Amino acid sequence: MTVSASNDVLFVYATEGILVINKLREIIQINPSAEKLFGYNAGELIGKKIEVLVPKKFTEKHPDHVDRFNRNPHPRSMGTTTDIFGLKKDGTEFPVEISLSPYTTAEGTFVIAFILDTTISTQAKEKLKNYSTELEKHVKNRTLILEEAIQELEKTKKELFNALHKEKELNELKSRFVSMASHEFRTPLTTMLSSLSLVTKYGEHNDKINQAKHVNKIKTSINNLTDILNDLLSVGKLEEGKIENMPESLNLKTFITEIISEMHSLAREGQHFIHQHTGNEVVSLDKKILKNILFNFISNAIKFTKENGEIEIRAHVTNSAVRISIKDNGIGISQEDQKHLFERFFRGHNAAHIQGTGLGLHIVAKYAEQMNGSIDFQSTQNIGTIFTIIIPQ
């Protein structure tokens, strides 16, 4: 069987490989392009089974595929969506696309196959795939670099914000310190200078009573300056981590009684203390830190409580915690001021006329932290304040 004469020229000179097989899968006609494609000499493939052009790993199933196609012959393309390979005479495999067209004549049914070598396009696809993979990788790397840069910028932004915030905070602290120092240092110094002049004057007149009165004023001013310096030193030590919590066994009831006794001399006229203790008396706490906390709270209560007022100190000890409350009936703290109560150099608006550095409560809060404790408070203006320190046992 041969292709009709009118198609001989197309068959012979077509650049595509063309071959014809019969129902027995035999090659009955093949054009020069197909022979060249598979590396065979002219006429060498005539009469051979089509499987000779199929890689050995596919030859076992290939006859079944051909028989199935012959049972339902129809035009179809192969290799456009799946990988199809041809086999050269020298054993080389190469990718191909195949178009099958069945036709029938008086001599029987045949299939004409158009074969195209897709090596170049397959390589191009592979290169494109590799390029896409590399590009994707490159983009991913660039994205990671960009993300890292953004994170670094965010970090720098945050650090800058924190630095600016800290600078602002330091400037505010500086202003508060200058304001506090100018007032709290100047007042006792002025009193001392004035009293020294009067002591000299009353000494010349041998006025012992007035002389003693002004000597006491000088002593009080010196004590006030000492308190201010102690507060400043305490803040420095706390922030440098130089104060350690060193618990020891002590009788809390006796300890508080002794502190109240020491502070009686600071009480204003008519002020009196109420001391109550419930629960265990023996506890394990750092004496120095606890004394500083109670001195601060009680001295504040004395300063802010009117004459003839009561100052209550109540201690309650359980197996889990020690709670000590100091209650006064003084001027109280406004809601607005309560937000800033433990900040350095903060003074309540209604306490500006009362001596103080604005460091006491800040120091107390730091001391409480050293003991793993906390501070709670309740306050109403013109009624009073209750400060409570809770220390875990």
Protein backbone atom coordinates (compact mmCIF):
# COMPACT_ATOMS: atom_id res chain seq x y z
CA MET A 1 0.00 0.00 0.00
CA THR A 2 1.31 3.43 -0.90
CA VAL A 3 0.27 7.00 -0.42
CA SER A 4 -1.50 8.41 -3.50
CA ALA A 5 0.68 10.06 -6.14
CA SER A 6 -0.78 13.48 -5.54
CA ASN A 7 0.57 13.39 -2.04
CA ASP A 8 3.99 11.92 -2.90
CA VAL A 9 5.76 15.28 -2.96
CA LEU A 10 4.32 16.35 0.41
CA PHE A 11 5.18 12.98 1.93
CA VAL A 12 8.76 12.93 0.67
CA TYR A 13 9.67 16.57 1.31
CA ALA A 14 7.75 17.22 4.54
CA THR A 15 10.00 18.38 7.38
CA GLU A 16 7.86 16.45 9.84
CA GLY A 17 8.47 12.76 10.25
CA ILE A 18 5.63 10.73 8.67
CA LEU A 19 5.08 7.02 8.75
CA VAL A 20 2.21 4.63 8.01
CA ILE A 21 1.48 1.42 9.95
CA ASN A 22 -1.00 -1.38 9.32
CA LYS A 23 -3.20 -3.28 11.75
CA LEU A 24 -0.28 -5.59 12.55
CA ARG A 25 1.69 -2.55 13.82
CA GLU A 26 4.11 -2.88 10.91
CA ILE A 27 5.69 0.15 9.28
CA ILE A 28 4.67 0.00 5.62
CA GLN A 29 5.80 3.45 4.58
CA ILE A 30 8.07 6.13 6.09
CA ASN A 31 9.32 9.45 4.75
CA PRO A 32 12.97 10.57 4.71
CA SER A 33 12.43 13.05 7.58
CA ALA A 34 11.20 10.23 9.85
CA GLU A 35 14.09 7.97 8.86
CA LYS A 36 16.57 10.77 9.55
CA LEU A 37 14.78 11.58 12.84
CA PHE A 38 15.25 8.03 14.10
CA GLY A 39 18.71 7.56 12.52
CA TYR A 40 17.86 4.85 9.98
CA ASN A 41 18.86 4.43 6.36
CA ALA A 42 16.30 4.63 3.54
CA GLY A 43 13.94 1.63 3.56
CA GLU A 44 15.58 0.12 6.65
CA LEU A 45 12.40 0.39 8.78
CA ILE A 46 9.93 -0.96 6.20
CA GLY A 47 8.19 -4.07 7.54
CA LYS A 48 9.47 -3.60 11.10
CA LYS A 49 7.13 -3.36 14.08
CA ILE A 50 6.45 0.16 15.30
CA GLU A 51 7.81 -0.88 18.76
CA VAL A 52 11.34 -0.62 17.28
CA LEU A 53 10.92 3.15 17.57
CA VAL A 54 9.60 2.96 21.16
CA PRO A 55 11.91 2.96 24.23
CA LYS A 56 12.20 -0.52 25.74
CA LYS A 57 10.56 0.52 29.02
CA PHE A 58 7.36 1.25 27.06
CA THR A 59 7.41 -1.62 24.49
CA GLU A 60 5.65 -4.14 26.71
CA LYS A 61 2.45 -2.10 26.95
CA HIS A 62 2.68 -0.43 23.56
CA PRO A 63 0.94 -3.24 21.53
CA ASP A 64 -2.07 -3.03 23.86
CA HIS A 65 -2.25 0.72 23.31
CA VAL A 66 -2.17 0.23 19.53
CA ASP A 67 -4.82 -2.54 19.61
CA ARG A 68 -7.07 -0.37 21.78
CA PHE A 69 -6.64 2.49 19.32
CA ASN A 70 -7.44 0.19 16.38
CA ARG A 71 -10.67 -0.89 18.05
CA ASN A 72 -11.76 2.72 18.24
CA PRO A 73 -9.73 4.61 15.65
CA HIS A 74 -9.96 8.38 15.77
CA PRO A 75 -7.61 11.31 15.24
CA ARG A 76 -5.62 12.09 18.34
CA SER A 77 -2.49 13.93 19.49
CA MET A 78 0.05 12.63 21.97
CA GLY A 79 2.89 14.33 23.76
CA THR A 80 1.34 17.77 24.15
CA THR A 81 0.24 17.20 27.74
CA THR A 82 2.28 14.13 28.67
CA ASP A 83 5.88 13.18 27.98
CA ILE A 84 6.26 10.82 24.95
CA PHE A 85 9.67 9.51 23.87
CA GLY A 86 11.01 7.99 20.67
CA LEU A 87 14.01 5.65 20.32
CA LYS A 88 16.78 6.26 17.77
CA LYS A 89 18.71 3.44 16.13
CA ASP A 90 21.72 4.20 18.37
CA GLY A 91 19.57 3.78 21.49
CA THR A 92 19.15 7.51 22.20
CA GLU A 93 15.77 8.53 23.60
CA PHE A 94 14.29 11.88 22.64
CA PRO A 95 10.96 13.64 23.32
CA VAL A 96 8.36 13.70 20.58
CA GLU A 97 4.84 14.83 19.82
CA ILE A 98 2.74 12.46 17.67
CA SER A 99 -0.49 13.01 15.78
CA LEU A 100 -2.37 9.88 14.72
CA SER A 101 -4.87 9.87 11.87
CA PRO A 102 -6.63 6.59 10.96
CA TYR A 103 -7.95 6.04 7.45
CA THR A 104 -9.43 3.11 5.53
CA THR A 105 -8.97 1.98 1.91
CA ALA A 106 -9.86 -1.13 -0.08
CA GLU A 107 -6.66 -2.65 1.22
CA GLY A 108 -7.64 -2.18 4.88
CA THR A 109 -7.35 0.24 7.80
CA PHE A 110 -4.13 2.13 8.37
CA VAL A 111 -2.80 4.79 10.69
CA ILE A 112 -0.64 7.64 9.52
CA ALA A 113 1.56 9.15 12.23
CA PHE A 114 3.06 12.64 12.13
CA ILE A 115 6.11 12.81 14.41
CA LEU A 116 7.75 16.00 15.66
CA ASP A 117 11.03 16.11 17.61
CA THR A 118 10.37 18.34 20.64
CA THR A 119 13.90 18.20 22.08
CA ILE A 120 14.51 21.91 21.59
CA SER A 121 11.10 22.97 22.91
CA THR A 122 11.40 20.49 25.81
CA GLN A 123 14.82 21.90 26.67
CA ALA A 124 13.38 25.37 26.39
CA LYS A 125 10.52 24.39 28.71
CA GLU A 126 12.99 22.87 31.15
CA LYS A 127 15.14 26.01 30.99
CA LEU A 128 12.03 28.11 31.48
CA LYS A 129 11.00 25.92 34.40
CA ASN A 130 14.48 26.19 35.90
CA TYR A 131 14.48 29.91 35.24
CA SER A 132 11.07 30.19 36.92
CA THR A 133 12.36 28.19 39.88
CA GLU A 134 15.47 30.34 40.10
CA LEU A 135 13.41 33.48 39.68
CA GLU A 136 11.03 32.33 42.38
CA LYS A 137 13.99 31.54 44.59
CA HIS A 138 15.52 34.91 43.80
CA VAL A 139 12.24 36.68 44.55
CA LYS A 140 11.91 34.71 47.78
CA ASN A 141 15.45 35.68 48.79
CA ARG A 142 14.77 39.29 47.87
CA THR A 143 11.54 39.13 49.85
CA LEU A 144 13.39 37.73 52.86
CA ILE A 145 16.00 40.48 52.55
CA LEU A 146 13.22 43.04 52.27
CA GLU A 147 11.41 41.54 55.26
CA GLU A 148 14.65 41.60 57.26
CA ALA A 149 15.20 45.21 56.20
CA ILE A 150 11.65 46.10 57.24
CA GLN A 151 12.15 44.30 60.57
CA GLU A 152 15.43 46.15 61.05
CA LEU A 153 13.70 49.44 60.25
CA GLU A 154 10.91 48.59 62.69
CA LYS A 155 13.51 47.70 65.30
CA THR A 156 15.39 50.95 64.66
CA LYS A 157 12.12 52.85 64.74
CA LYS A 158 11.22 51.22 68.05
CA GLU A 159 14.69 51.87 69.49
CA LEU A 160 14.52 55.47 68.33
CA PHE A 161 11.04 55.86 69.80
CA ASN A 162 12.22 54.33 73.09
CA ALA A 163 15.30 56.55 73.08
CA LEU A 164 13.18 59.65 72.45
CA HIS A 165 10.68 58.52 75.07
CA LYS A 166 13.51 57.93 77.53
CA GLU A 167 15.04 61.30 76.73
CA LYS A 168 11.67 62.94 77.22
CA GLU A 169 11.25 61.06 80.49
CA LEU A 170 14.76 62.09 81.61
CA ASN A 171 14.03 65.70 80.73
CA GLU A 172 10.81 65.53 82.74
CA LEU A 173 12.67 63.93 85.65
CA LYS A 174 15.35 66.58 85.39
CA SER A 175 12.70 69.32 85.53
CA ARG A 176 11.01 67.63 88.49
CA PHE A 177 14.33 67.22 90.28
CA VAL A 178 15.30 70.84 89.70
CA SER A 179 11.88 71.94 90.91
CA MET A 180 12.06 69.69 93.97
CA ALA A 181 15.66 70.57 94.78
CA SER A 182 15.13 74.30 94.43
CA HIS A 183 12.24 74.11 96.90
CA GLU A 184 13.24 71.34 99.29
CA PHE A 185 16.89 72.44 99.63
CA ARG A 186 16.26 76.16 99.64
CA THR A 187 13.63 76.10 102.42
CA PRO A 188 15.74 74.34 105.09
CA LEU A 189 18.88 76.25 104.05
CA THR A 190 17.04 79.56 104.33
CA THR A 191 15.67 78.49 107.74
CA MET A 192 19.15 77.49 108.89
CA LEU A 193 20.73 80.80 107.80
CA SER A 194 17.97 82.80 109.43
CA SER A 195 18.10 80.75 112.65
CA LEU A 196 21.91 80.98 112.83
CA SER A 197 21.67 84.79 112.71
CA LEU A 198 19.02 84.73 115.43
CA VAL A 199 21.00 82.25 117.56
CA THR A 200 23.94 84.69 117.44
CA LYS A 201 21.64 87.62 118.25
CA TYR A 202 19.90 85.83 121.17
CA GLY A 203 23.30 84.67 122.42
CA GLU A 204 24.45 88.27 122.70
CA HIS A 205 21.34 88.97 124.82
CA ASN A 206 21.75 85.72 126.76
CA ASP A 207 18.20 84.68 125.69
CA LYS A 208 18.57 80.92 126.19
CA ILE A 209 14.92 80.03 125.41
CA ASN A 210 14.80 81.64 121.96
CA GLN A 211 18.34 80.49 121.28
CA ALA A 212 17.33 76.85 121.98
CA LYS A 213 14.20 77.25 119.82
CA HIS A 214 16.25 78.28 116.80
CA VAL A 215 18.88 75.60 117.46
CA ASN A 216 16.02 73.07 117.24
CA LYS A 217 14.91 74.66 113.96
CA ILE A 218 18.43 74.20 112.61
CA LYS A 219 18.44 70.56 113.74
CA THR A 220 15.06 69.98 112.07
CA SER A 221 16.29 71.57 108.81
CA ILE A 222 19.42 69.40 108.90
CA ASN A 223 17.25 66.31 109.42
CA ASN A 224 15.08 67.35 106.47
CA LEU A 225 18.13 67.73 104.24
CA THR A 226 19.41 64.36 105.46
CA ASP A 227 16.06 62.76 104.55
CA ILE A 228 16.24 64.26 101.07
CA LEU A 229 19.79 62.98 100.53
CA ASN A 230 18.82 59.55 101.89
CA ASP A 231 15.95 59.38 99.41
CA LEU A 232 18.25 60.26 96.53
CA LEU A 233 20.83 57.70 97.67
CA SER A 234 18.15 55.02 98.07
CA VAL A 235 16.90 55.56 94.52
CA GLY A 236 20.45 55.26 93.21
CA LYS A 237 21.15 52.06 95.15
CA LEU A 238 17.85 50.47 94.13
CA GLU A 239 18.30 51.24 90.44
CA GLU A 240 21.90 49.98 90.50
CA GLY A 241 20.76 46.73 92.14
CA LYS A 242 22.83 47.32 95.26
CA ILE A 243 20.01 46.48 97.67
CA GLU A 244 19.30 42.80 98.23
CA ASN A 245 16.39 41.15 99.99
CA MET A 246 17.81 39.23 102.98
CA PRO A 247 14.93 37.77 105.04
CA GLU A 248 15.43 36.86 108.68
CA SER A 249 13.19 35.74 111.49
CA LEU A 250 11.54 38.58 113.44
CA ASN A 251 8.59 39.22 115.71
CA LEU A 252 6.46 41.48 113.50
CA LYS A 253 4.21 42.75 116.31
CA THR A 254 7.21 43.83 118.42
CA PHE A 255 9.01 45.21 115.36
CA ILE A 256 6.10 47.52 114.39
CA THR A 257 5.61 48.59 118.03
CA GLU A 258 9.26 49.71 118.18
CA ILE A 259 8.95 51.66 114.92
CA ILE A 260 5.82 53.45 116.17
CA SER A 261 7.69 54.33 119.36
CA GLU A 262 10.55 55.84 117.31
CA MET A 263 8.13 57.90 115.24
CA HIS A 264 6.17 59.36 118.17
CA SER A 265 8.64 62.25 118.22
CA LEU A 266 7.63 63.18 114.65
CA ALA A 267 3.89 63.18 115.36
CA ARG A 268 2.00 66.42 115.24
CA GLU A 269 0.14 67.74 118.25
CA GLY A 270 -2.65 65.42 119.34
CA GLN A 271 -1.92 62.74 116.77
CA HIS A 272 -2.08 59.20 118.13
CA PHE A 273 -1.37 55.71 116.77
CA ILE A 274 -3.60 52.65 116.77
CA HIS A 275 -1.73 49.37 116.31
CA GLN A 276 -3.45 46.01 115.76
CA HIS A 277 -1.92 42.62 114.94
CA THR A 278 -3.66 39.38 113.94
CA GLY A 279 -2.21 36.02 113.00
CA ASN A 280 1.30 34.69 113.59
CA GLU A 281 3.72 37.12 115.16
CA VAL A 282 6.96 35.54 113.94
CA VAL A 283 7.70 36.04 110.23
CA SER A 284 10.70 35.90 107.90
CA LEU A 285 11.33 39.32 106.32
CA ASP A 286 14.20 41.72 105.59
CA LYS A 287 14.27 44.06 108.62
CA LYS A 288 16.01 46.98 106.88
CA ILE A 289 13.75 47.02 103.85
CA LEU A 290 10.57 46.61 105.91
CA LYS A 291 11.67 49.39 108.29
CA ASN A 292 12.27 51.77 105.37
CA ILE A 293 8.84 50.97 103.93
CA LEU A 294 7.02 51.48 107.26
CA PHE A 295 9.00 54.66 108.06
CA ASN A 296 7.96 56.12 104.71
CA PHE A 297 4.27 55.22 105.02
CA ILE A 298 3.99 56.31 108.65
CA SER A 299 5.89 59.59 108.12
CA ASN A 300 3.58 60.39 105.20
CA ALA A 301 0.58 59.59 107.36
CA ILE A 302 1.92 61.97 110.01
CA LYS A 303 2.54 64.73 107.43
CA PHE A 304 -0.87 64.47 105.78
CA THR A 305 -3.02 63.83 108.89
CA LYS A 306 -4.38 66.83 110.75
CA GLU A 307 -3.61 67.54 114.40
CA ASN A 308 -5.47 65.25 116.84
CA GLY A 309 -5.95 62.75 114.02
CA GLU A 310 -5.59 58.97 114.13
CA ILE A 311 -3.01 56.87 112.31
CA GLU A 312 -3.86 53.16 112.17
CA ILE A 313 -1.28 50.43 111.57
CA ARG A 314 -2.82 46.98 111.13
CA ALA A 315 -0.85 43.81 110.42
CA HIS A 316 -2.38 40.50 109.43
CA VAL A 317 -0.25 37.37 108.95
CA THR A 318 -1.36 34.18 107.22
CA ASN A 319 0.53 31.13 106.03
CA SER A 320 0.78 32.65 102.55
CA ALA A 321 1.31 36.39 103.09
CA VAL A 322 1.95 39.33 105.39
CA ARG A 323 -0.40 42.30 104.98
CA ILE A 324 0.40 45.61 106.66
CA SER A 325 -1.96 48.58 106.26
CA ILE A 326 -1.32 52.20 107.25
CA LYS A 327 -4.44 54.36 107.36
CA ASP A 328 -4.63 58.11 107.86
CA ASN A 329 -7.49 60.63 107.86
CA GLY A 330 -5.53 63.22 105.92
CA ILE A 331 -6.03 65.21 102.71
CA GLY A 332 -6.29 62.16 100.43
CA ILE A 333 -5.15 61.78 96.82
CA SER A 334 -7.12 62.89 93.76
CA GLN A 335 -8.07 60.36 91.07
CA GLU A 336 -5.84 62.17 88.59
CA ASP A 337 -2.80 62.08 90.90
CA GLN A 338 -3.32 58.40 91.75
CA LYS A 339 -2.21 57.46 88.20
CA HIS A 340 1.27 58.95 88.83
CA LEU A 341 1.64 58.15 92.52
CA PHE A 342 4.73 55.93 92.27
CA GLU A 343 6.62 58.00 89.68
CA ARG A 344 9.91 59.63 90.61
CA PHE A 345 9.68 63.23 91.90
CA PHE A 346 5.89 63.24 91.58
CA ARG A 347 4.04 65.42 94.08
CA GLY A 348 0.29 65.51 94.43
CA HIS A 349 -1.35 68.81 93.47
CA ASN A 350 -2.84 69.17 96.93
CA ALA A 351 0.52 68.36 98.60
CA ALA A 352 2.69 71.06 97.05
CA HIS A 353 2.79 72.99 100.32
CA ILE A 354 3.92 69.95 102.31
CA GLN A 355 7.58 69.07 102.52
CA GLY A 356 8.71 66.08 100.42
CA THR A 357 10.91 64.98 97.54
CA GLY A 358 8.32 63.02 95.57
CA LEU A 359 10.60 59.99 95.82
CA GLY A 360 9.19 58.25 98.89
CA LEU A 361 6.46 56.18 97.25
CA HIS A 362 8.67 55.42 94.26
CA ILE A 363 11.28 54.03 96.67
CA VAL A 364 8.65 52.07 98.62
CA ALA A 365 7.40 50.48 95.38
CA LYS A 366 10.95 49.43 94.49
CA TYR A 367 11.48 48.02 97.99
CA ALA A 368 8.24 46.03 97.64
CA GLU A 369 9.53 44.57 94.37
CA GLN A 370 12.73 43.52 96.12
CA MET A 371 10.60 41.50 98.56
CA ASN A 372 8.46 40.08 95.71
CA GLY A 373 5.59 42.02 97.21
CA SER A 374 3.05 44.55 96.00
CA ILE A 375 1.40 47.74 97.17
CA ASP A 376 -2.30 48.49 97.13
CA PHE A 377 -3.99 51.72 98.15
CA GLN A 378 -7.38 53.37 98.53
CA SER A 379 -7.80 57.09 98.85
CA THR A 380 -10.57 59.70 98.95
CA GLN A 381 -9.83 63.41 99.04
CA ASN A 382 -10.38 65.07 102.44
CA ILE A 383 -11.20 61.68 104.01
CA GLY A 384 -7.91 59.81 103.99
CA THR A 385 -5.72 57.12 102.51
CA ILE A 386 -4.95 53.47 103.21
CA PHE A 387 -1.71 52.00 101.92
CA THR A 388 -1.31 48.22 102.13
CA ILE A 389 1.82 46.24 101.44
CA ILE A 390 1.40 42.52 100.71
CA ILE A 391 4.50 40.34 101.03
CA PRO A 392 4.33 36.61 100.20
CA GLN A 393 5.57 34.22 102.87
